[in-house]
């Protein structure tokens, strides 16, 4: 009984430790190379850049936004 518990805990520990952590960082920048937003989620970065760009189309003075990928 105790050995099953230990084996189960070791398997859970191994599985949780073996998942790779995201080392990539995504930044949203404007056309003046100013960082507007930082995140580890690629989809979130692209969504934020799209929303900011669409918002900028309402106001002509707002620049376009781009997503850059960088390592930590």
C-alpha atoms as a PDB file:
ATOM      1  CA  UNK A   1       0.000   0.000   0.000  1.00  0.00           C
ATOM      2  CA  UNK A   2       2.742   2.438   0.984  1.00  0.00           C
ATOM      3  CA  UNK A   3       4.863   1.508  -2.030  1.00  0.00           C
ATOM      4  CA  UNK A   4       1.935   2.239  -4.371  1.00  0.00           C
ATOM      5  CA  UNK A   5       1.516   5.646  -2.783  1.00  0.00           C
ATOM      6  CA  UNK A   6       5.217   6.419  -3.115  1.00  0.00           C
ATOM      7  CA  UNK A   7       5.275   5.282  -6.745  1.00  0.00           C
ATOM      8  CA  UNK A   8       2.186   7.356  -7.507  1.00  0.00           C
ATOM      9  CA  UNK A   9       3.717  10.442  -5.915  1.00  0.00           C
ATOM     10  CA  UNK A  10       6.979   9.935  -7.803  1.00  0.00           C
ATOM     11  CA  UNK A  11       5.126   9.634 -11.106  1.00  0.00           C
ATOM     12  CA  UNK A  12       3.127  12.785 -10.401  1.00  0.00           C
ATOM     13  CA  UNK A  13       6.280  14.640  -9.397  1.00  0.00           C
ATOM     14  CA  UNK A  14       8.144  13.478 -12.506  1.00  0.00           C
ATOM     15  CA  UNK A  15       5.281  14.507 -14.804  1.00  0.00           C
ATOM     16  CA  UNK A  16       4.961  17.938 -13.253  1.00  0.00           C
ATOM     17  CA  UNK A  17       8.707  18.599 -13.417  1.00  0.00           C
ATOM     18  CA  UNK A  18       9.148  17.409 -16.970  1.00  0.00           C
ATOM     19  CA  UNK A  19       6.772  19.942 -18.517  1.00  0.00           C
ATOM     20  CA  UNK A  20       8.891  22.537 -20.281  1.00  0.00           C
ATOM     21  CA  UNK A  21       8.504  26.105 -19.133  1.00  0.00           C
ATOM     22  CA  UNK A  22       8.020  28.748 -21.776  1.00  0.00           C
ATOM     23  CA  UNK A  23      11.251  30.676 -22.047  1.00  0.00           C
ATOM     24  CA  UNK A  24      10.006  32.874 -24.835  1.00  0.00           C
ATOM     25  CA  UNK A  25       8.733  36.332 -24.151  1.00  0.00           C
ATOM     26  CA  UNK A  26       6.526  38.283 -26.524  1.00  0.00           C
ATOM     27  CA  UNK A  27       6.480  42.059 -26.584  1.00  0.00           C
ATOM     28  CA  UNK A  28       4.083  44.364 -28.366  1.00  0.00           C
ATOM     29  CA  UNK A  29       5.823  47.453 -29.718  1.00  0.00           C
ATOM     30  CA  UNK A  30       4.595  50.482 -31.590  1.00  0.00           C
ATOM     31  CA  UNK A  31       6.171  51.904 -34.730  1.00  0.00           C
ATOM     32  CA  UNK A  32       8.468  54.041 -32.544  1.00  0.00           C
ATOM     33  CA  UNK A  33       9.952  50.860 -30.953  1.00  0.00           C
ATOM     34  CA  UNK A  34       8.383  51.561 -27.575  1.00  0.00           C
ATOM     35  CA  UNK A  35       7.323  48.476 -25.619  1.00  0.00           C
ATOM     36  CA  UNK A  36       3.619  48.645 -24.932  1.00  0.00           C
ATOM     37  CA  UNK A  37       2.894  45.165 -23.525  1.00  0.00           C
ATOM     38  CA  UNK A  38       4.869  42.081 -22.428  1.00  0.00           C
ATOM     39  CA  UNK A  39       3.621  38.517 -22.010  1.00  0.00           C
ATOM     40  CA  UNK A  40       4.633  34.852 -22.242  1.00  0.00           C
ATOM     41  CA  UNK A  41       1.545  33.941 -24.270  1.00  0.00           C
ATOM     42  CA  UNK A  42       1.896  34.281 -28.046  1.00  0.00           C
ATOM     43  CA  UNK A  43      -1.849  34.410 -28.753  1.00  0.00           C
ATOM     44  CA  UNK A  44      -2.414  37.065 -26.108  1.00  0.00           C
ATOM     45  CA  UNK A  45       0.341  39.221 -27.607  1.00  0.00           C
ATOM     46  CA  UNK A  46      -1.146  39.019 -31.108  1.00  0.00           C
ATOM     47  CA  UNK A  47      -4.652  39.730 -29.805  1.00  0.00           C
ATOM     48  CA  UNK A  48      -3.416  42.783 -27.914  1.00  0.00           C
ATOM     49  CA  UNK A  49      -1.498  44.078 -30.958  1.00  0.00           C
ATOM     50  CA  UNK A  50      -4.563  43.639 -33.154  1.00  0.00           C
ATOM     51  CA  UNK A  51      -6.835  45.450 -30.699  1.00  0.00           C
ATOM     52  CA  UNK A  52      -4.382  48.316 -30.313  1.00  0.00           C
ATOM     53  CA  UNK A  53      -3.979  48.618 -34.086  1.00  0.00           C
ATOM     54  CA  UNK A  54      -7.736  48.665 -34.634  1.00  0.00           C
ATOM     55  CA  UNK A  55      -8.088  51.261 -31.882  1.00  0.00           C
ATOM     56  CA  UNK A  56      -5.391  53.306 -33.603  1.00  0.00           C
ATOM     57  CA  UNK A  57      -7.393  53.383 -36.811  1.00  0.00           C
ATOM     58  CA  UNK A  58     -10.063  55.388 -35.004  1.00  0.00           C
ATOM     59  CA  UNK A  59      -7.484  57.997 -34.030  1.00  0.00           C
ATOM     60  CA  UNK A  60      -5.162  58.894 -36.908  1.00  0.00           C
ATOM     61  CA  UNK A  61      -2.294  59.821 -34.554  1.00  0.00           C
ATOM     62  CA  UNK A  62      -2.047  56.292 -33.122  1.00  0.00           C
ATOM     63  CA  UNK A  63       0.670  54.075 -34.649  1.00  0.00           C
ATOM     64  CA  UNK A  64       0.518  50.434 -35.777  1.00  0.00           C
ATOM     65  CA  UNK A  65       1.589  47.754 -33.284  1.00  0.00           C
ATOM     66  CA  UNK A  66       3.804  44.736 -33.845  1.00  0.00           C
ATOM     67  CA  UNK A  67       4.709  41.564 -31.899  1.00  0.00           C
ATOM     68  CA  UNK A  68       8.350  40.656 -31.343  1.00  0.00           C
ATOM     69  CA  UNK A  69       9.585  37.356 -29.907  1.00  0.00           C
ATOM     70  CA  UNK A  70      12.512  37.399 -27.510  1.00  0.00           C
ATOM     71  CA  UNK A  71      14.242  34.934 -25.198  1.00  0.00           C
ATOM     72  CA  UNK A  72      14.412  35.707 -21.508  1.00  0.00           C
END
